[in-house]
Amino acid sequence: MLDGHIMLGEALEEFEKLYIQKAFSRNKKRISHTADALGAHRNTISKRVNSYRSQERRLHSNPLNHKPNPH
């Protein structure tokens, strides 16, 4: 635990997510190119990217996660 806020496992997961998303964008959202750039298997990157997309959809579809528009 660091400063009582985040566990190492959570920090590593978040780093991996950001790292893969950045590489995915830099490789024009091409799974194979991203996998090659990261030295990972194509299926691994595909599963991770699909998982991140699912997480985002769940966040955006849950009305409890929407913040009111201040305007």
N, C-alpha and C. Protein backbone atom coordinates (compact mmCIF):
# COMPACT_ATOMS: atom_id res chain seq x y z
N MET A 1 0.85 -1.17 0.00
CA MET A 1 0.00 0.00 0.00
C MET A 1 0.89 1.23 0.00
N LEU A 2 0.56 2.20 -0.82
CA LEU A 2 1.32 3.44 -0.92
C LEU A 2 0.43 4.57 -0.43
N ASP A 3 0.86 5.23 0.64
CA ASP A 3 0.06 6.32 1.22
C ASP A 3 -1.35 5.87 1.59
N GLY A 4 -1.54 4.59 1.77
CA GLY A 4 -2.84 4.08 2.16
C GLY A 4 -3.91 4.16 1.09
N HIS A 5 -3.53 4.39 -0.17
CA HIS A 5 -4.53 4.61 -1.20
C HIS A 5 -4.63 3.52 -2.26
N ILE A 6 -3.52 2.95 -2.67
CA ILE A 6 -3.58 2.01 -3.80
C ILE A 6 -2.64 0.84 -3.55
N MET A 7 -3.11 -0.33 -3.88
CA MET A 7 -2.30 -1.53 -3.74
C MET A 7 -1.42 -1.70 -4.98
N LEU A 8 -0.31 -2.40 -4.83
CA LEU A 8 0.61 -2.59 -5.93
C LEU A 8 -0.08 -3.23 -7.14
N GLY A 9 -0.90 -4.23 -6.91
CA GLY A 9 -1.60 -4.90 -7.99
C GLY A 9 -2.48 -3.94 -8.79
N GLU A 10 -3.16 -3.06 -8.08
CA GLU A 10 -4.00 -2.07 -8.76
C GLU A 10 -3.15 -1.10 -9.58
N ALA A 11 -2.03 -0.69 -9.02
CA ALA A 11 -1.13 0.24 -9.71
C ALA A 11 -0.57 -0.40 -10.98
N LEU A 12 -0.18 -1.67 -10.89
CA LEU A 12 0.35 -2.37 -12.05
C LEU A 12 -0.71 -2.53 -13.14
N GLU A 13 -1.93 -2.86 -12.73
CA GLU A 13 -3.02 -3.00 -13.70
C GLU A 13 -3.28 -1.68 -14.42
N GLU A 14 -3.30 -0.60 -13.66
CA GLU A 14 -3.55 0.71 -14.25
C GLU A 14 -2.41 1.11 -15.19
N PHE A 15 -1.17 0.84 -14.78
CA PHE A 15 -0.02 1.14 -15.64
C PHE A 15 -0.11 0.34 -16.94
N GLU A 16 -0.40 -0.95 -16.83
CA GLU A 16 -0.51 -1.80 -18.02
C GLU A 16 -1.61 -1.28 -18.95
N LYS A 17 -2.73 -0.91 -18.39
CA LYS A 17 -3.84 -0.41 -19.19
C LYS A 17 -3.42 0.86 -19.95
N LEU A 18 -2.83 1.80 -19.25
CA LEU A 18 -2.41 3.05 -19.90
C LEU A 18 -1.34 2.80 -20.94
N TYR A 19 -0.42 1.91 -20.63
CA TYR A 19 0.68 1.57 -21.54
C TYR A 19 0.15 0.95 -22.83
N ILE A 20 -0.76 0.00 -22.70
CA ILE A 20 -1.33 -0.66 -23.88
C ILE A 20 -2.20 0.33 -24.67
N GLN A 21 -3.01 1.12 -23.98
CA GLN A 21 -3.86 2.08 -24.69
C GLN A 21 -3.02 3.10 -25.47
N LYS A 22 -1.94 3.56 -24.89
CA LYS A 22 -1.06 4.52 -25.58
C LYS A 22 -0.44 3.87 -26.81
N ALA A 23 0.06 2.66 -26.66
CA ALA A 23 0.66 1.95 -27.80
C ALA A 23 -0.39 1.67 -28.87
N PHE A 24 -1.59 1.32 -28.45
CA PHE A 24 -2.69 1.04 -29.38
C PHE A 24 -3.00 2.29 -30.21
N SER A 25 -3.07 3.43 -29.56
CA SER A 25 -3.32 4.69 -30.28
C SER A 25 -2.18 5.02 -31.23
N ARG A 26 -0.96 4.85 -30.76
CA ARG A 26 0.21 5.16 -31.60
C ARG A 26 0.30 4.25 -32.82
N ASN A 27 -0.27 3.07 -32.70
CA ASN A 27 -0.25 2.11 -33.81
C ASN A 27 -1.56 2.11 -34.58
N LYS A 28 -2.23 3.26 -34.54
CA LYS A 28 -3.47 3.48 -35.31
C LYS A 28 -4.52 2.42 -35.05
N LYS A 29 -4.59 1.99 -33.79
CA LYS A 29 -5.59 1.02 -33.32
C LYS A 29 -5.52 -0.30 -34.07
N ARG A 30 -4.33 -0.71 -34.40
CA ARG A 30 -4.11 -2.00 -35.05
C ARG A 30 -3.52 -2.96 -34.03
N ILE A 31 -4.27 -4.02 -33.76
CA ILE A 31 -3.89 -4.99 -32.74
C ILE A 31 -2.53 -5.62 -33.05
N SER A 32 -2.34 -6.09 -34.26
CA SER A 32 -1.08 -6.78 -34.61
C SER A 32 0.12 -5.85 -34.49
N HIS A 33 -0.03 -4.61 -34.94
CA HIS A 33 1.08 -3.66 -34.86
C HIS A 33 1.40 -3.34 -33.40
N THR A 34 0.34 -3.20 -32.61
CA THR A 34 0.53 -2.91 -31.19
C THR A 34 1.23 -4.08 -30.51
N ALA A 35 0.81 -5.28 -30.80
CA ALA A 35 1.43 -6.47 -30.21
C ALA A 35 2.91 -6.55 -30.58
N ASP A 36 3.22 -6.31 -31.84
CA ASP A 36 4.62 -6.33 -32.28
C ASP A 36 5.44 -5.27 -31.55
N ALA A 37 4.89 -4.08 -31.43
CA ALA A 37 5.60 -2.97 -30.78
C ALA A 37 5.87 -3.27 -29.31
N LEU A 38 4.95 -3.98 -28.68
CA LEU A 38 5.10 -4.28 -27.25
C LEU A 38 5.78 -5.62 -26.98
N GLY A 39 6.02 -6.39 -28.03
CA GLY A 39 6.63 -7.70 -27.85
C GLY A 39 5.69 -8.68 -27.16
N ALA A 40 4.39 -8.51 -27.44
CA ALA A 40 3.39 -9.37 -26.82
C ALA A 40 2.65 -10.14 -27.91
N HIS A 41 1.94 -11.16 -27.51
CA HIS A 41 1.15 -11.93 -28.47
C HIS A 41 -0.09 -11.15 -28.84
N ARG A 42 -0.48 -11.27 -30.09
CA ARG A 42 -1.64 -10.56 -30.61
C ARG A 42 -2.90 -10.84 -29.78
N ASN A 43 -3.10 -12.10 -29.40
CA ASN A 43 -4.30 -12.45 -28.62
C ASN A 43 -4.32 -11.77 -27.26
N THR A 44 -3.17 -11.61 -26.65
CA THR A 44 -3.08 -10.95 -25.34
C THR A 44 -3.54 -9.50 -25.47
N ILE A 45 -3.03 -8.80 -26.48
CA ILE A 45 -3.40 -7.40 -26.67
C ILE A 45 -4.89 -7.29 -27.02
N SER A 46 -5.37 -8.17 -27.86
CA SER A 46 -6.77 -8.16 -28.25
C SER A 46 -7.68 -8.33 -27.03
N LYS A 47 -7.36 -9.29 -26.17
CA LYS A 47 -8.16 -9.53 -24.96
C LYS A 47 -8.14 -8.32 -24.04
N ARG A 48 -6.96 -7.72 -23.87
CA ARG A 48 -6.85 -6.55 -22.99
C ARG A 48 -7.65 -5.37 -23.54
N VAL A 49 -7.49 -5.08 -24.82
CA VAL A 49 -8.20 -3.96 -25.44
C VAL A 49 -9.72 -4.18 -25.35
N ASN A 50 -10.18 -5.37 -25.62
CA ASN A 50 -11.61 -5.67 -25.52
C ASN A 50 -12.10 -5.53 -24.08
N SER A 51 -11.28 -5.93 -23.13
CA SER A 51 -11.63 -5.79 -21.72
C SER A 51 -11.76 -4.31 -21.34
N TYR A 52 -10.81 -3.50 -21.80
CA TYR A 52 -10.85 -2.07 -21.49
C TYR A 52 -12.09 -1.42 -22.10
N ARG A 53 -12.43 -1.82 -23.31
CA ARG A 53 -13.63 -1.29 -23.96
C ARG A 53 -14.89 -1.67 -23.19
N SER A 54 -14.95 -2.90 -22.72
CA SER A 54 -16.10 -3.36 -21.93
C SER A 54 -16.23 -2.56 -20.65
N GLN A 55 -15.09 -2.32 -19.99
CA GLN A 55 -15.09 -1.53 -18.75
C GLN A 55 -15.64 -0.13 -19.01
N GLU A 56 -15.19 0.48 -20.10
CA GLU A 56 -15.64 1.83 -20.45
C GLU A 56 -17.14 1.85 -20.73
N ARG A 57 -17.62 0.85 -21.47
CA ARG A 57 -19.06 0.79 -21.78
C ARG A 57 -19.88 0.64 -20.50
N ARG A 58 -19.41 -0.20 -19.58
CA ARG A 58 -20.13 -0.38 -18.32
C ARG A 58 -20.15 0.92 -17.53
N LEU A 59 -19.04 1.63 -17.50
CA LEU A 59 -18.99 2.90 -16.78
C LEU A 59 -19.96 3.92 -17.36
N HIS A 60 -20.01 3.98 -18.68
CA HIS A 60 -20.86 4.97 -19.34
C HIS A 60 -22.33 4.57 -19.35
N SER A 61 -22.63 3.30 -19.20
CA SER A 61 -24.03 2.87 -19.23
C SER A 61 -24.68 2.89 -17.85
N ASN A 62 -23.88 3.00 -16.79
CA ASN A 62 -24.40 3.02 -15.43
C ASN A 62 -24.78 4.45 -15.06
N PRO A 63 -26.07 4.74 -14.84
CA PRO A 63 -26.49 6.11 -14.54
C PRO A 63 -25.91 6.66 -13.24
N LEU A 64 -25.48 5.79 -12.34
CA LEU A 64 -24.89 6.26 -11.09
C LEU A 64 -23.52 6.88 -11.32
N ASN A 65 -22.89 6.56 -12.44
CA ASN A 65 -21.55 7.10 -12.75
C ASN A 65 -21.60 8.43 -13.49
N HIS A 66 -22.79 8.84 -13.92
CA HIS A 66 -22.90 10.10 -14.65
C HIS A 66 -22.95 11.26 -13.67
N LYS A 67 -22.15 12.27 -13.96
CA LYS A 67 -22.15 13.47 -13.14
C LYS A 67 -23.06 14.49 -13.79
N PRO A 68 -23.79 15.26 -12.99
CA PRO A 68 -24.67 16.26 -13.58
C PRO A 68 -23.86 17.33 -14.31
N ASN A 69 -24.41 17.82 -15.41
CA ASN A 69 -23.77 18.86 -16.18
C ASN A 69 -23.94 20.19 -15.46
N PRO A 70 -22.83 20.87 -15.11
CA PRO A 70 -22.94 22.12 -14.33
C PRO A 70 -23.50 23.28 -15.15
N HIS A 71 -23.66 23.13 -16.46
CA HIS A 71 -24.15 24.25 -17.29
C HIS A 71 -25.61 24.18 -17.48
